[in-house]
C-alpha atoms as a PDB file:
ATOM      1  CA  MET A   1       3.565  52.810   9.617  1.00  0.00           C
ATOM      2  CA  ARG A   2       0.371  51.831  11.378  1.00  0.00           C
ATOM      3  CA  GLY A   3      -1.357  51.552   8.008  1.00  0.00           C
ATOM      4  CA  LEU A   4       1.375  49.299   6.675  1.00  0.00           C
ATOM      5  CA  ALA A   5       1.021  47.073   9.747  1.00  0.00           C
ATOM      6  CA  VAL A   6      -2.724  46.776   9.179  1.00  0.00           C
ATOM      7  CA  ILE A   7      -2.179  45.893   5.536  1.00  0.00           C
ATOM      8  CA  GLY A   8       0.416  43.323   6.511  1.00  0.00           C
ATOM      9  CA  GLY A   9      -2.003  41.790   8.991  1.00  0.00           C
ATOM     10  CA  LEU A  10      -4.746  41.575   6.387  1.00  0.00           C
ATOM     11  CA  ILE A  11      -2.379  39.884   3.936  1.00  0.00           C
ATOM     12  CA  ALA A  12      -1.420  37.329   6.587  1.00  0.00           C
ATOM     13  CA  ILE A  13      -5.089  36.595   7.289  1.00  0.00           C
ATOM     14  CA  VAL A  14      -5.845  36.164   3.588  1.00  0.00           C
ATOM     15  CA  GLN A  15      -2.857  33.865   3.110  1.00  0.00           C
ATOM     16  CA  ALA A  16      -3.725  31.787   6.160  1.00  0.00           C
ATOM     17  CA  GLY A  17      -7.372  31.490   5.147  1.00  0.00           C
ATOM     18  CA  PRO A  18      -7.037  28.449   2.851  1.00  0.00           C
ATOM     19  CA  VAL A  19      -4.939  26.582   5.422  1.00  0.00           C
ATOM     20  CA  ALA A  20      -7.517  27.186   8.133  1.00  0.00           C
ATOM     21  CA  ARG A  21     -10.440  26.228   5.873  1.00  0.00           C
ATOM     22  CA  ALA A  22      -8.641  23.052   4.793  1.00  0.00           C
ATOM     23  CA  ALA A  23      -7.909  22.095   8.399  1.00  0.00           C
ATOM     24  CA  TRP A  24     -11.553  22.702   9.273  1.00  0.00           C
ATOM     25  CA  GLN A  25     -12.662  20.357   6.478  1.00  0.00           C
ATOM     26  CA  ALA A  26     -10.063  17.709   7.380  1.00  0.00           C
ATOM     27  CA  GLN A  27     -11.203  17.527  11.007  1.00  0.00           C
ATOM     28  CA  TYR A  28     -14.383  15.774   9.882  1.00  0.00           C
ATOM     29  CA  ALA A  29     -12.247  12.777   8.923  1.00  0.00           C
ATOM     30  CA  ASP A  30     -10.269  12.640  12.175  1.00  0.00           C
ATOM     31  CA  GLY A  31     -12.818  10.544  14.035  1.00  0.00           C
ATOM     32  CA  VAL A  32     -13.135   8.038  11.192  1.00  0.00           C
ATOM     33  CA  VAL A  33      -9.357   7.634  10.944  1.00  0.00           C
ATOM     34  CA  TYR A  34      -9.088   7.163  14.704  1.00  0.00           C
ATOM     35  CA  ARG A  35     -11.723   4.446  14.692  1.00  0.00           C
ATOM     36  CA  LEU A  36     -10.038   2.631  11.816  1.00  0.00           C
ATOM     37  CA  ARG A  37      -6.702   2.743  13.639  1.00  0.00           C
ATOM     38  CA  SER A  38      -8.394   1.412  16.775  1.00  0.00           C
ATOM     39  CA  GLY A  39     -10.115  -1.437  14.964  1.00  0.00           C
ATOM     40  CA  LEU A  40     -13.561  -0.041  15.710  1.00  0.00           C
ATOM     41  CA  LYS A  41     -16.467  -0.549  13.346  1.00  0.00           C
ATOM     42  CA  ILE A  42     -17.389   2.199  10.895  1.00  0.00           C
ATOM     43  CA  GLU A  43     -20.164   2.377   8.349  1.00  0.00           C
ATOM     44  CA  LYS A  44     -19.566   2.876   4.650  1.00  0.00           C
ATOM     45  CA  SER A  45     -21.370   6.214   4.813  1.00  0.00           C
ATOM     46  CA  GLU A  46     -18.937   7.403   7.502  1.00  0.00           C
ATOM     47  CA  ALA A  47     -15.948   6.347   5.411  1.00  0.00           C
ATOM     48  CA  VAL A  48     -17.338   8.140   2.363  1.00  0.00           C
ATOM     49  CA  ALA A  49     -18.010  11.301   4.400  1.00  0.00           C
ATOM     50  CA  GLY A  50     -14.447  11.272   5.719  1.00  0.00           C
ATOM     51  CA  ILE A  51     -12.966  10.712   2.264  1.00  0.00           C
ATOM     52  CA  ASP A  52     -15.073  13.537   0.844  1.00  0.00           C
ATOM     53  CA  ALA A  53     -14.029  15.878   3.663  1.00  0.00           C
ATOM     54  CA  LEU A  54     -10.354  15.232   2.974  1.00  0.00           C
ATOM     55  CA  GLY A  55     -11.033  15.725  -0.721  1.00  0.00           C
ATOM     56  CA  ARG A  56     -12.410  19.185   0.009  1.00  0.00           C
ATOM     57  CA  ALA A  57      -9.381  19.924   2.202  1.00  0.00           C
ATOM     58  CA  ILE A  58      -7.045  18.914  -0.620  1.00  0.00           C
ATOM     59  CA  ALA A  59      -8.956  21.087  -3.093  1.00  0.00           C
ATOM     60  CA  ILE A  60      -8.444  24.079  -0.783  1.00  0.00           C
ATOM     61  CA  ASP A  61      -4.861  23.375   0.313  1.00  0.00           C
ATOM     62  CA  PRO A  62      -3.220  20.577  -1.737  1.00  0.00           C
ATOM     63  CA  VAL A  63      -0.127  20.013   0.410  1.00  0.00           C
ATOM     64  CA  PRO A  64       1.579  16.563   0.321  1.00  0.00           C
ATOM     65  CA  THR A  65       0.615  15.650   3.886  1.00  0.00           C
ATOM     66  CA  ARG A  66      -3.094  15.944   3.098  1.00  0.00           C
ATOM     67  CA  HIS A  67      -2.726  13.465   0.241  1.00  0.00           C
ATOM     68  CA  ILE A  68      -0.898  11.095   2.597  1.00  0.00           C
ATOM     69  CA  ALA A  69      -3.634  11.540   5.212  1.00  0.00           C
ATOM     70  CA  ARG A  70      -6.385  10.722   2.715  1.00  0.00           C
ATOM     71  CA  SER A  71      -4.465   7.653   1.571  1.00  0.00           C
ATOM     72  CA  GLU A  72      -4.609   6.249   5.108  1.00  0.00           C
ATOM     73  CA  LEU A  73      -8.383   6.592   5.234  1.00  0.00           C
ATOM     74  CA  LEU A  74      -8.845   5.219   1.710  1.00  0.00           C
ATOM     75  CA  THR A  75      -6.638   2.193   2.309  1.00  0.00           C
ATOM     76  CA  GLY A  76      -8.057   1.495   5.757  1.00  0.00           C
ATOM     77  CA  ALA A  77     -11.637   1.646   4.498  1.00  0.00           C
ATOM     78  CA  ALA A  78     -10.823  -0.517   1.462  1.00  0.00           C
ATOM     79  CA  MET A  79      -9.153  -3.213   3.577  1.00  0.00           C
ATOM     80  CA  THR A  80     -11.731  -3.313   6.378  1.00  0.00           C
ATOM     81  CA  PRO A  81     -14.485  -5.844   5.538  1.00  0.00           C
ATOM     82  CA  SER A  82     -16.930  -4.426   8.089  1.00  0.00           C
ATOM     83  CA  VAL A  83     -17.115  -1.167   6.105  1.00  0.00           C
ATOM     84  CA  GLY A  84     -19.215  -3.110   3.611  1.00  0.00           C
ATOM     85  CA  ALA A  85     -17.886  -1.594   0.387  1.00  0.00           C
ATOM     86  CA  ASP A  86     -18.294  -3.662  -2.779  1.00  0.00           C
ATOM     87  CA  ALA A  87     -15.282  -4.868  -4.771  1.00  0.00           C
ATOM     88  CA  ALA A  88     -15.464  -2.073  -7.345  1.00  0.00           C
ATOM     89  CA  THR A  89     -15.557   0.610  -4.654  1.00  0.00           C
ATOM     90  CA  ARG A  90     -12.654  -0.953  -2.770  1.00  0.00           C
ATOM     91  CA  THR A  91     -10.595  -1.000  -5.971  1.00  0.00           C
ATOM     92  CA  ASP A  92     -11.447   2.637  -6.702  1.00  0.00           C
ATOM     93  CA  TRP A  93     -10.398   3.611  -3.183  1.00  0.00           C
ATOM     94  CA  GLN A  94      -7.111   1.740  -3.527  1.00  0.00           C
ATOM     95  CA  ARG A  95      -6.360   3.416  -6.847  1.00  0.00           C
ATOM     96  CA  LEU A  96      -7.079   6.855  -5.414  1.00  0.00           C
ATOM     97  CA  SER A  97      -4.938   5.978  -2.394  1.00  0.00           C
ATOM     98  CA  ARG A  98      -2.059   5.021  -4.702  1.00  0.00           C
ATOM     99  CA  ALA A  99      -2.390   8.306  -6.582  1.00  0.00           C
ATOM    100  CA  ASP A 100      -2.461  10.216  -3.281  1.00  0.00           C
ATOM    101  CA  LEU A 101       0.661   8.425  -2.065  1.00  0.00           C
ATOM    102  CA  VAL A 102       2.576   9.087  -5.268  1.00  0.00           C
ATOM    103  CA  THR A 103       1.674  12.776  -4.993  1.00  0.00           C
ATOM    104  CA  GLY A 104       2.264  12.980  -1.253  1.00  0.00           C
ATOM    105  CA  LEU A 105       5.571  11.129  -1.211  1.00  0.00           C
ATOM    106  CA  GLY A 106       6.747  13.155  -4.172  1.00  0.00           C
ATOM    107  CA  GLY A 107       6.587  16.225  -1.950  1.00  0.00           C
ATOM    108  CA  ALA A 108       7.334  14.600   1.422  1.00  0.00           C
ATOM    109  CA  PRO A 109       9.446  11.473   0.783  1.00  0.00           C
ATOM    110  CA  ALA A 110      10.530  10.916   4.397  1.00  0.00           C
ATOM    111  CA  HIS A 111       7.250   9.265   5.459  1.00  0.00           C
ATOM    112  CA  GLY A 112       8.303   5.664   6.045  1.00  0.00           C
ATOM    113  CA  VAL A 113       4.832   4.417   6.986  1.00  0.00           C
ATOM    114  CA  ALA A 114       3.437   5.948   3.795  1.00  0.00           C
ATOM    115  CA  TRP A 115       6.028   4.041   1.724  1.00  0.00           C
ATOM    116  CA  LEU A 116       4.844   0.825   3.330  1.00  0.00           C
ATOM    117  CA  ARG A 117       1.229   1.778   2.625  1.00  0.00           C
ATOM    118  CA  LEU A 118       2.128   2.398  -1.007  1.00  0.00           C
ATOM    119  CA  ALA A 119       3.771  -1.035  -1.207  1.00  0.00           C
ATOM    120  CA  ILE A 120       0.641  -2.634   0.274  1.00  0.00           C
ATOM    121  CA  VAL A 121      -1.707  -0.791  -2.083  1.00  0.00           C
ATOM    122  CA  GLN A 122       0.430  -1.625  -5.111  1.00  0.00           C
ATOM    123  CA  PHE A 123       0.448  -5.274  -4.036  1.00  0.00           C
ATOM    124  CA  GLN A 124      -3.327  -5.286  -3.539  1.00  0.00           C
ATOM    125  CA  LEU A 125      -3.926  -3.785  -6.982  1.00  0.00           C
ATOM    126  CA  GLU A 126      -1.377  -5.659  -9.098  1.00  0.00           C
ATOM    127  CA  GLY A 127       0.168  -8.426  -6.998  1.00  0.00           C
ATOM    128  CA  PRO A 128       3.840  -9.036  -6.161  1.00  0.00           C
ATOM    129  CA  SER A 129       6.360  -7.143  -8.253  1.00  0.00           C
ATOM    130  CA  ARG A 130       9.802  -5.584  -8.153  1.00  0.00           C
ATOM    131  CA  LEU A 131       8.081  -2.220  -7.769  1.00  0.00           C
ATOM    132  CA  VAL A 132       6.460  -3.434  -4.546  1.00  0.00           C
ATOM    133  CA  ILE A 133       9.862  -4.645  -3.355  1.00  0.00           C
ATOM    134  CA  ALA A 134      11.439  -1.247  -4.060  1.00  0.00           C
ATOM    135  CA  MET A 135       8.719   0.459  -2.026  1.00  0.00           C
ATOM    136  CA  LEU A 136       9.209  -2.123   0.728  1.00  0.00           C
ATOM    137  CA  PHE A 137      12.903  -1.293   0.992  1.00  0.00           C
ATOM    138  CA  ALA A 138      12.114   2.428   1.026  1.00  0.00           C
ATOM    139  CA  SER A 139       9.821   1.846   4.004  1.00  0.00           C
ATOM    140  CA  ILE A 140      12.563  -0.069   5.826  1.00  0.00           C
ATOM    141  CA  GLU A 141      15.058   2.731   5.266  1.00  0.00           C
ATOM    142  CA  MET A 142      12.609   5.349   6.536  1.00  0.00           C
ATOM    143  CA  ALA A 143      10.790   3.495   9.330  1.00  0.00           C
ATOM    144  CA  GLY A 144      12.505   0.161   9.872  1.00  0.00           C
ATOM    145  CA  ARG A 145      12.324   0.348  13.668  1.00  0.00           C
ATOM    146  CA  SER A 146       8.671   1.358  13.884  1.00  0.00           C
ATOM    147  CA  PRO A 147       6.736  -1.555  15.504  1.00  0.00           C
ATOM    148  CA  GLN A 148       3.485  -0.583  13.805  1.00  0.00           C
ATOM    149  CA  THR A 149       5.031  -1.463  10.443  1.00  0.00           C
ATOM    150  CA  TRP A 150       6.383  -4.896  11.323  1.00  0.00           C
ATOM    151  CA  PRO A 151       3.372  -7.200  10.735  1.00  0.00           C
ATOM    152  CA  SER A 152       2.455  -5.742   7.331  1.00  0.00           C
ATOM    153  CA  ARG A 153       6.091  -5.618   6.251  1.00  0.00           C
ATOM    154  CA  LEU A 154       6.726  -9.240   7.225  1.00  0.00           C
ATOM    155  CA  ARG A 155       3.634 -10.274   5.278  1.00  0.00           C
ATOM    156  CA  LEU A 156       4.857  -8.422   2.179  1.00  0.00           C
ATOM    157  CA  ILE A 157       8.267 -10.055   2.461  1.00  0.00           C
ATOM    158  CA  LEU A 158       6.601 -13.472   2.492  1.00  0.00           C
ATOM    159  CA  ASP A 159       4.283 -12.595  -0.397  1.00  0.00           C
ATOM    160  CA  CYS A 160       7.152 -11.305  -2.560  1.00  0.00           C
ATOM    161  CA  TRP A 161       9.682 -14.010  -1.622  1.00  0.00           C
ATOM    162  CA  GLU A 162       9.910 -15.572  -5.071  1.00  0.00           C
ATOM    163  CA  LEU A 163      10.844 -12.233  -6.687  1.00  0.00           C
ATOM    164  CA  LEU A 164      13.605 -11.345  -4.218  1.00  0.00           C
ATOM    165  CA  SER A 165      17.204 -11.522  -5.375  1.00  0.00           C
ATOM    166  CA  GLU A 166      19.786 -13.255  -3.212  1.00  0.00           C
ATOM    167  CA  GLY A 167      21.194  -9.859  -2.247  1.00  0.00           C
ATOM    168  CA  GLN A 168      17.749  -8.586  -1.250  1.00  0.00           C
ATOM    169  CA  LYS A 169      17.095 -11.696   0.829  1.00  0.00           C
ATOM    170  CA  THR A 170      20.356 -11.101   2.668  1.00  0.00           C
ATOM    171  CA  ARG A 171      19.418  -7.470   3.359  1.00  0.00           C
ATOM    172  CA  LEU A 172      15.968  -8.468   4.547  1.00  0.00           C
ATOM    173  CA  ARG A 173      17.412 -11.158   6.766  1.00  0.00           C
ATOM    174  CA  SER A 174      19.098  -8.462   8.823  1.00  0.00           C
ATOM    175  CA  HIS A 175      15.781  -6.609   9.129  1.00  0.00           C
ATOM    176  CA  VAL A 176      13.808  -9.713  10.149  1.00  0.00           C
ATOM    177  CA  VAL A 177      16.399 -10.593  12.785  1.00  0.00           C
ATOM    178  CA  THR A 178      16.191  -7.042  14.136  1.00  0.00           C
ATOM    179  CA  VAL A 179      12.389  -7.287  14.345  1.00  0.00           C
ATOM    180  CA  TRP A 180      12.713 -10.639  16.145  1.00  0.00           C
ATOM    181  CA  ARG A 181      15.116  -9.245  18.705  1.00  0.00           C
ATOM    182  CA  GLN A 182      13.202  -6.020  19.296  1.00  0.00           C
ATOM    183  CA  SER A 183       9.867  -7.816  19.716  1.00  0.00           C
ATOM    184  CA  SER A 184      11.183 -10.076  22.480  1.00  0.00           C
ATOM    185  CA  GLY A 185       8.300  -9.066  24.762  1.00  0.00           C
ATOM    186  CA  ASP A 186       5.653 -10.414  22.380  1.00  0.00           C
ATOM    187  CA  ARG A 187       6.580 -12.263  19.201  1.00  0.00           C
ATOM    188  CA  ARG A 188       3.082 -13.430  18.300  1.00  0.00           C
ATOM    189  CA  LEU A 189       3.196 -11.209  15.211  1.00  0.00           C
ATOM    190  CA  PHE A 190       5.416 -13.873  13.621  1.00  0.00           C
ATOM    191  CA  GLY A 191       2.649 -16.379  14.186  1.00  0.00           C
ATOM    192  CA  TYR A 192      -0.056 -14.089  12.852  1.00  0.00           C
ATOM    193  CA  VAL A 193       1.742 -13.439   9.554  1.00  0.00           C
ATOM    194  CA  THR A 194       2.423 -17.158   8.973  1.00  0.00           C
ATOM    195  CA  ARG A 195      -0.257 -18.638   6.727  1.00  0.00           C
ATOM    196  CA  SER A 196       1.418 -21.753   5.356  1.00  0.00           C
ATOM    197  CA  ALA A 197       4.255 -24.212   5.765  1.00  0.00           C
ATOM    198  CA  ALA A 198       6.143 -22.242   3.127  1.00  0.00           C
ATOM    199  CA  ASP A 199       5.860 -19.063   5.228  1.00  0.00           C
ATOM    200  CA  HIS A 200       7.170 -21.001   8.234  1.00  0.00           C
ATOM    201  CA  ALA A 201      10.129 -22.255   6.204  1.00  0.00           C
ATOM    202  CA  ILE A 202      10.980 -18.748   4.964  1.00  0.00           C
ATOM    203  CA  LEU A 203      10.894 -17.235   8.444  1.00  0.00           C
ATOM    204  CA  THR A 204      13.016 -20.112   9.721  1.00  0.00           C
ATOM    205  CA  TRP A 205      15.560 -19.352   6.982  1.00  0.00           C
ATOM    206  CA  PHE A 206      15.742 -15.740   8.115  1.00  0.00           C
ATOM    207  CA  LEU A 207      16.186 -16.705  11.777  1.00  0.00           C
ATOM    208  CA  ARG A 208      18.296 -19.830  11.387  1.00  0.00           C
ATOM    209  CA  ASP A 209      21.437 -18.363  12.962  1.00  0.00           C
ATOM    210  CA  VAL A 210      19.689 -16.774  15.964  1.00  0.00           C
ATOM    211  CA  PRO A 211      20.138 -19.148  18.929  1.00  0.00           C
ATOM    212  CA  GLY A 212      16.838 -20.794  19.817  1.00  0.00           C
ATOM    213  CA  ALA A 213      14.809 -18.727  17.326  1.00  0.00           C
ATOM    214  CA  PRO A 214      13.689 -21.554  14.980  1.00  0.00           C
ATOM    215  CA  GLN A 215      12.369 -23.580  17.908  1.00  0.00           C
ATOM    216  CA  GLU A 216      10.637 -20.573  19.475  1.00  0.00           C
ATOM    217  CA  LEU A 217       9.161 -19.627  16.114  1.00  0.00           C
ATOM    218  CA  ALA A 218       7.650 -23.097  15.711  1.00  0.00           C
ATOM    219  CA  ALA A 219       6.149 -22.882  19.208  1.00  0.00           C
ATOM    220  CA  ILE A 220       4.690 -19.408  18.509  1.00  0.00           C
ATOM    221  CA  ILE A 221       3.109 -20.561  15.238  1.00  0.00           C
ATOM    222  CA  GLU A 222       1.558 -23.576  16.949  1.00  0.00           C
ATOM    223  CA  LYS A 223       0.218 -21.430  19.790  1.00  0.00           C
ATOM    224  CA  VAL A 224      -1.313 -18.860  17.440  1.00  0.00           C
ATOM    225  CA  ARG A 225      -3.021 -21.628  15.454  1.00  0.00           C
ATOM    226  CA  LYS A 226      -4.747 -22.814  18.620  1.00  0.00           C
ATOM    227  CA  GLU A 227      -6.024 -19.358  19.616  1.00  0.00           C
END
């Protein structure tokens, strides 16, 4: 019996080995991801090192969550000007991020933030489309009440406005009103996502039946412009 226990322990160690090695590789990217999330400056070489580390982790233990993790670093690095990557590199990173997200979400579809990231990447690569809109709605279903998603999601709604059906606009109106109400402490995000008079008009359409919202929205936009 003791021999069987030893054998069982050795098997467990062997099976756990790849997971541990992959986690050890992935930790090299943790600091880079943290700094991107915090808006801190990173060098291109640091981004590349982090991407490579996650690539090694995926090669060892290709679970869906590792693909999703690498997509965050790839997208963040591609969309951060201070990283200093050229246009071709940024496009390559976005394409790899999209592939990672398709793989990752295929195995772990309940990641709402990842659905939003996929919508953003698809938009960056190919512009507004019904595919982007489908991903946008998936992100709302999975993570509609997550404040970190609101600015990027509002921007996508504005960018894809002309492709939305009347039914989709109605569904999104409910979401935008919910964001407005839940961000009562600080609604400047509505000002930050507004880039034109057309954007202002669209947001006003969404909020037209909320008492006082159109007037407050106009004041927020004006205040943000003066910052």
